[in-house]
Amino acid sequence: MKKNLLFIILIIFTLRSGYGIWKLWRTRSIVKDAQIRLEKTRLENQKLTQKLAEIQSEEFVEREAREKLGLGKPGETILILPDQITNHKSQITNQDDFKPNWRLWWDLYIRI
């Protein structure tokens, strides 16, 4: 009887210890995943901080104003040049294929 009771206590102790070890192992895995996500977030935060510093610089603001808005400093003359065309033949239209604008609208909407 004492041996059976001792055996049962030993089994319960082993099961509880095993459960504690499993729980500790699982918690370690969760912590490791959280550390990986934290490191990725820190790297992303660092990149965004650098981008913010770049965007807030006067050079960036001036470049954007010039390139996208066509603005310049007082006294400057802004020239807007067309993009260079590498194939000049594509700009030449065949007179046989030429349709007046009214005909293009007619074909688009009426199609008779």
Protein backbone atom coordinates (compact mmCIF):
# COMPACT_ATOMS: atom_id res chain seq x y z
CA MET A 1 0.00 0.00 0.00
CA LYS A 2 2.83 2.40 0.87
CA LYS A 3 4.57 1.52 -2.36
CA ASN A 4 1.41 2.28 -4.37
CA LEU A 5 0.95 5.63 -2.63
CA LEU A 6 4.59 6.50 -3.18
CA PHE A 7 4.29 5.46 -6.82
CA ILE A 8 1.19 7.66 -7.32
CA ILE A 9 2.92 10.64 -5.68
CA LEU A 10 5.93 10.09 -7.92
CA ILE A 11 3.72 10.01 -11.05
CA ILE A 12 1.89 13.20 -9.99
CA PHE A 13 5.21 14.95 -9.27
CA THR A 14 6.59 13.85 -12.66
CA LEU A 15 3.48 15.02 -14.53
CA ARG A 16 3.46 18.41 -12.80
CA SER A 17 7.17 18.87 -13.46
CA GLY A 18 6.70 17.90 -17.11
CA TYR A 19 3.81 20.34 -17.44
CA GLY A 20 5.92 23.11 -15.89
CA ILE A 21 8.78 22.39 -18.27
CA TRP A 22 6.42 22.36 -21.28
CA LYS A 23 4.85 25.66 -20.16
CA LEU A 24 8.31 27.20 -19.72
CA TRP A 25 9.39 25.98 -23.17
CA ARG A 26 6.21 27.40 -24.74
CA THR A 27 6.69 30.75 -22.98
CA ARG A 28 10.30 30.89 -24.20
CA SER A 29 9.09 30.37 -27.76
CA ILE A 30 6.53 33.18 -27.38
CA VAL A 31 9.19 35.52 -25.98
CA LYS A 32 11.57 34.66 -28.84
CA ASP A 33 8.86 35.44 -31.43
CA ALA A 34 8.10 38.72 -29.68
CA GLN A 35 11.80 39.65 -29.72
CA ILE A 36 11.99 38.98 -33.47
CA ARG A 37 8.92 41.15 -34.09
CA LEU A 38 10.38 43.85 -31.85
CA GLU A 39 13.65 43.87 -33.83
CA LYS A 40 11.76 44.10 -37.15
CA THR A 41 9.68 46.96 -35.76
CA ARG A 42 12.81 48.77 -34.55
CA LEU A 43 14.40 48.47 -38.01
CA GLU A 44 11.22 49.73 -39.68
CA ASN A 45 11.04 52.60 -37.18
CA GLN A 46 14.66 53.50 -37.92
CA LYS A 47 14.00 53.55 -41.69
CA LEU A 48 10.89 55.69 -41.22
CA THR A 49 12.80 58.10 -38.95
CA GLN A 50 15.49 58.48 -41.61
CA LYS A 51 12.85 59.04 -44.31
CA LEU A 52 11.11 61.63 -42.13
CA ALA A 53 14.40 63.48 -41.60
CA GLU A 54 14.97 63.43 -45.38
CA ILE A 55 11.47 64.68 -46.14
CA GLN A 56 11.75 67.50 -43.61
CA SER A 57 15.01 68.77 -45.11
CA GLU A 58 14.95 71.96 -47.18
CA GLU A 59 16.64 70.23 -50.11
CA PHE A 60 13.82 67.71 -50.38
CA VAL A 61 11.13 70.40 -50.19
CA GLU A 62 12.90 72.48 -52.85
CA ARG A 63 13.42 69.47 -55.14
CA GLU A 64 9.77 68.43 -54.85
CA ALA A 65 8.58 72.00 -55.49
CA ARG A 66 10.74 72.20 -58.60
CA GLU A 67 10.07 68.74 -60.04
CA LYS A 68 6.44 68.11 -59.18
CA LEU A 69 4.94 71.57 -58.86
CA GLY A 70 7.10 73.45 -61.39
CA LEU A 71 7.93 76.17 -58.88
CA GLY A 72 11.15 78.14 -58.67
CA LYS A 73 12.89 80.79 -56.64
CA PRO A 74 12.04 84.47 -57.19
CA GLY A 75 13.76 85.75 -60.32
CA GLU A 76 14.18 82.31 -61.91
CA THR A 77 12.63 81.38 -65.22
CA ILE A 78 11.13 77.93 -65.37
CA LEU A 79 11.41 76.02 -68.64
CA ILE A 80 9.34 72.91 -69.20
CA LEU A 81 10.77 70.80 -72.00
CA PRO A 82 8.99 67.85 -73.61
CA ASP A 83 10.34 64.38 -73.04
CA GLN A 84 12.79 63.27 -75.69
CA ILE A 85 11.31 60.97 -78.26
CA THR A 86 13.67 58.24 -79.37
CA ASN A 87 11.56 57.04 -82.29
CA HIS A 88 10.61 59.99 -84.49
CA LYS A 89 8.76 57.75 -86.95
CA SER A 90 6.08 57.08 -84.34
CA GLN A 91 5.18 60.79 -84.41
CA ILE A 92 4.60 60.85 -88.16
CA THR A 93 1.02 59.99 -89.01
CA ASN A 94 -0.08 58.60 -92.28
CA GLN A 95 -2.41 61.04 -94.06
CA ASP A 96 -4.57 58.13 -95.22
CA ASP A 97 -5.26 57.14 -91.61
CA PHE A 98 -5.94 60.72 -90.49
CA LYS A 99 -9.50 61.30 -89.25
CA PRO A 100 -10.81 64.67 -88.17
CA ASN A 101 -11.72 65.09 -84.54
CA TRP A 102 -15.47 65.21 -85.20
CA ARG A 103 -15.20 61.84 -87.00
CA LEU A 104 -13.41 60.27 -84.03
CA TRP A 105 -16.20 61.48 -81.71
CA TRP A 106 -18.82 60.24 -84.16
CA ASP A 107 -17.21 56.80 -84.31
CA LEU A 108 -16.88 56.69 -80.55
CA TYR A 109 -20.49 57.52 -79.68
CA ILE A 110 -22.66 56.90 -82.75
CA ARG A 111 -20.86 54.04 -84.55
CA ILE A 112 -22.99 54.08 -87.69
